[in-house]
Amino acid sequence: MTDPSPRLARIASVSKKIAAACGIFMVLLPAGLAVYVFGFSELLAFHPQLAQMDMPEDGLSRLAQVAAYAAILVGTAPALMALSKLRQLFSGYASGAVFTVSAAKRLKAVAIALIAMVLIRPVSGILMSLAISIDLPPGHRALMITFGSTELWIGLAGAMVLVTAWIMGEAAAMAEENQSFV
């Protein structure tokens, strides 16, 4: 039988880097979105959820920018939750907690966040369309609802991770039970 310690050391090393990256992305994501909305709001016309909308000719007002940023944050909240749980999961892996009940619970939380992304994205799109069209005259305002293959794939990935978390949780619980007999 081979010594598992080099494999566990590799898992720990990679996991430590992934946990750090998740922490960085948790900060960069909302900051980058703020730069996007407040610094380059004219690019919102190319956002996939807003592609069919009329944009105000003189740009977005500060109110519309704040409302658009809030709408984007609503859609981003599950991603931030997933990043937080992934950071905790990989930090645990880095410290050697690989097949544990807590790791399974964190993986389940990631899955739920992925599924929540699918459910919240249309709501975020509606809020964004309302925010963008807030300054448009009556008759030019729009309400956009989008759902596409991206949401389908994210939902399927979330379902796959959820079932994997359940299996991992059962395996960890059985291992703990077996240890109590020894």
Protein backbone atom coordinates (compact mmCIF):
# COMPACT_ATOMS: atom_id res chain seq x y z
CA MET A 1 0.00 0.00 0.00
CA THR A 2 1.30 3.47 -0.85
CA ASP A 3 1.83 6.17 1.72
CA PRO A 4 -1.08 8.64 1.40
CA SER A 5 0.80 11.52 3.02
CA PRO A 6 2.26 12.95 -0.25
CA ARG A 7 -1.26 13.02 -1.71
CA LEU A 8 -2.67 14.65 1.41
CA ALA A 9 0.19 17.16 1.39
CA ARG A 10 -0.64 18.02 -2.24
CA ILE A 11 -4.33 18.36 -1.38
CA ALA A 12 -3.42 20.63 1.54
CA SER A 13 -1.10 22.77 -0.57
CA VAL A 14 -3.57 23.26 -3.43
CA SER A 15 -6.47 23.76 -1.03
CA LYS A 16 -4.62 26.52 0.81
CA LYS A 17 -4.16 28.38 -2.49
CA ILE A 18 -7.78 27.88 -3.53
CA ALA A 19 -9.00 29.12 -0.13
CA ALA A 20 -6.87 32.25 -0.53
CA ALA A 21 -8.19 32.79 -4.06
CA CYS A 22 -11.77 32.47 -2.82
CA GLY A 23 -11.05 35.13 -0.18
CA ILE A 24 -9.60 37.45 -2.81
CA PHE A 25 -12.55 36.91 -5.17
CA MET A 26 -14.98 37.67 -2.32
CA VAL A 27 -13.46 41.16 -2.16
CA LEU A 28 -12.78 41.70 -5.86
CA LEU A 29 -16.22 40.67 -7.10
CA PRO A 30 -18.28 43.43 -5.45
CA ALA A 31 -15.47 45.96 -5.97
CA GLY A 32 -15.16 45.08 -9.65
CA LEU A 33 -18.91 45.30 -10.10
CA ALA A 34 -18.87 48.74 -8.49
CA VAL A 35 -16.21 49.89 -10.96
CA TYR A 36 -18.27 48.41 -13.81
CA VAL A 37 -21.54 50.08 -12.80
CA PHE A 38 -20.25 53.45 -11.57
CA GLY A 39 -17.25 53.85 -13.86
CA PHE A 40 -18.47 52.28 -17.09
CA SER A 41 -22.27 52.33 -16.83
CA GLU A 42 -22.59 52.75 -20.60
CA LEU A 43 -21.37 49.14 -20.89
CA LEU A 44 -24.49 47.93 -19.10
CA ALA A 45 -26.18 48.10 -22.52
CA PHE A 46 -24.16 44.98 -23.40
CA HIS A 47 -25.10 43.06 -20.23
CA PRO A 48 -26.79 39.79 -21.27
CA GLN A 49 -29.83 40.49 -19.11
CA LEU A 50 -30.27 43.96 -20.63
CA ALA A 51 -29.36 43.40 -24.27
CA GLN A 52 -32.84 44.17 -25.63
CA MET A 53 -33.39 47.33 -23.57
CA ASP A 54 -33.27 50.96 -24.56
CA MET A 55 -30.68 52.84 -22.53
CA PRO A 56 -31.03 56.49 -21.59
CA GLU A 57 -29.27 58.59 -24.24
CA ASP A 58 -27.56 60.86 -21.72
CA GLY A 59 -26.34 57.96 -19.56
CA LEU A 60 -27.57 56.67 -16.25
CA SER A 61 -28.38 58.98 -13.39
CA ARG A 62 -26.70 58.36 -10.03
CA LEU A 63 -30.02 56.90 -8.76
CA ALA A 64 -30.13 54.45 -11.70
CA GLN A 65 -26.49 53.49 -11.12
CA VAL A 66 -27.08 52.82 -7.42
CA ALA A 67 -30.23 50.84 -8.21
CA ALA A 68 -28.39 48.84 -10.92
CA TYR A 69 -25.53 48.09 -8.53
CA ALA A 70 -27.99 46.95 -5.85
CA ALA A 71 -29.74 44.72 -8.41
CA ILE A 72 -26.43 43.20 -9.48
CA LEU A 73 -25.50 42.59 -5.84
CA VAL A 74 -28.80 40.74 -5.34
CA GLY A 75 -27.81 38.43 -8.19
CA THR A 76 -24.26 38.14 -6.86
CA ALA A 77 -25.19 37.33 -3.24
CA PRO A 78 -25.40 33.54 -3.81
CA ALA A 79 -22.01 33.59 -5.56
CA LEU A 80 -20.51 35.42 -2.58
CA MET A 81 -22.07 32.85 -0.24
CA ALA A 82 -20.65 30.03 -2.38
CA LEU A 83 -17.20 31.64 -2.30
CA SER A 84 -17.40 31.98 1.48
CA LYS A 85 -18.34 28.33 1.95
CA LEU A 86 -15.73 27.23 -0.60
CA ARG A 87 -13.12 29.19 1.33
CA GLN A 88 -14.13 27.41 4.53
CA LEU A 89 -14.20 24.04 2.75
CA PHE A 90 -10.74 24.43 1.24
CA SER A 91 -9.33 25.84 4.49
CA GLY A 92 -10.56 22.66 6.15
CA TYR A 93 -8.96 20.55 3.43
CA ALA A 94 -5.71 22.49 3.93
CA SER A 95 -5.75 21.57 7.62
CA GLY A 96 -6.45 17.89 6.88
CA ALA A 97 -10.23 17.80 7.39
CA VAL A 98 -11.01 16.06 4.09
CA PHE A 99 -13.74 13.44 4.63
CA THR A 100 -15.64 14.99 7.51
CA VAL A 101 -19.26 15.76 8.25
CA SER A 102 -18.44 19.49 8.39
CA ALA A 103 -16.82 19.31 4.93
CA ALA A 104 -19.97 17.65 3.60
CA LYS A 105 -22.12 20.38 5.17
CA ARG A 106 -19.99 23.09 3.56
CA LEU A 107 -20.18 21.35 0.20
CA LYS A 108 -23.97 21.16 0.62
CA ALA A 109 -24.05 24.91 1.33
CA VAL A 110 -22.11 25.53 -1.91
CA ALA A 111 -24.66 23.43 -3.79
CA ILE A 112 -27.55 25.36 -2.29
CA ALA A 113 -25.85 28.64 -3.24
CA LEU A 114 -25.49 27.42 -6.84
CA ILE A 115 -29.17 26.49 -6.97
CA ALA A 116 -30.07 29.85 -5.39
CA MET A 117 -28.11 31.58 -8.17
CA VAL A 118 -30.46 30.01 -10.70
CA LEU A 119 -33.53 31.16 -8.78
CA ILE A 120 -32.27 34.67 -8.02
CA ARG A 121 -30.84 35.52 -11.44
CA PRO A 122 -34.25 36.24 -13.04
CA VAL A 123 -35.13 38.44 -10.05
CA SER A 124 -31.85 40.29 -10.45
CA GLY A 125 -32.59 40.77 -14.15
CA ILE A 126 -36.00 42.23 -13.37
CA LEU A 127 -34.48 44.60 -10.81
CA MET A 128 -31.72 45.62 -13.23
CA SER A 129 -34.19 46.37 -16.00
CA LEU A 130 -36.24 48.49 -13.61
CA ALA A 131 -33.09 50.31 -12.47
CA ILE A 132 -31.89 51.01 -16.00
CA SER A 133 -35.26 52.22 -17.20
CA ILE A 134 -36.04 54.34 -14.14
CA ASP A 135 -34.96 57.51 -15.97
CA LEU A 136 -36.69 56.68 -19.26
CA PRO A 137 -40.00 58.37 -20.10
CA PRO A 138 -43.23 56.39 -19.83
CA GLY A 139 -43.65 54.07 -22.78
CA HIS A 140 -39.92 53.39 -22.97
CA ARG A 141 -39.50 51.64 -19.65
CA ALA A 142 -38.97 47.90 -19.76
CA LEU A 143 -39.18 44.85 -17.58
CA MET A 144 -36.85 42.05 -18.66
CA ILE A 145 -37.01 38.45 -17.51
CA THR A 146 -34.21 36.18 -18.69
CA PHE A 147 -33.48 32.51 -18.23
CA GLY A 148 -31.05 30.63 -20.41
CA SER A 149 -28.73 27.70 -20.75
CA THR A 150 -26.26 29.23 -18.28
CA GLU A 151 -28.85 28.98 -15.52
CA LEU A 152 -29.67 25.43 -16.60
CA TRP A 153 -26.02 24.36 -16.36
CA ILE A 154 -25.48 26.12 -13.03
CA GLY A 155 -28.60 24.42 -11.67
CA LEU A 156 -27.43 21.01 -12.87
CA ALA A 157 -23.99 21.61 -11.36
CA GLY A 158 -25.66 22.61 -8.10
CA ALA A 159 -27.77 19.43 -8.12
CA MET A 160 -24.68 17.30 -8.80
CA VAL A 161 -22.74 18.96 -5.98
CA LEU A 162 -25.74 18.57 -3.64
CA VAL A 163 -25.99 14.83 -4.24
CA THR A 164 -22.20 14.50 -3.90
CA ALA A 165 -22.40 16.35 -0.57
CA TRP A 166 -25.13 13.99 0.65
CA ILE A 167 -23.00 10.98 -0.33
CA MET A 168 -19.92 12.49 1.31
CA GLY A 169 -21.93 13.25 4.45
CA GLU A 170 -23.18 9.66 4.64
CA ALA A 171 -19.67 8.29 4.13
CA ALA A 172 -18.24 10.59 6.82
CA ALA A 173 -21.03 9.68 9.25
CA MET A 174 -20.42 5.94 8.63
CA ALA A 175 -16.68 6.43 9.16
CA GLU A 176 -17.32 8.23 12.46
CA GLU A 177 -19.69 5.47 13.52
CA ASN A 178 -17.16 2.79 12.63
CA GLN A 179 -14.46 4.62 14.63
CA SER A 180 -16.70 4.53 17.71
CA PHE A 181 -16.74 0.72 17.56
CA VAL A 182 -12.95 0.41 17.52
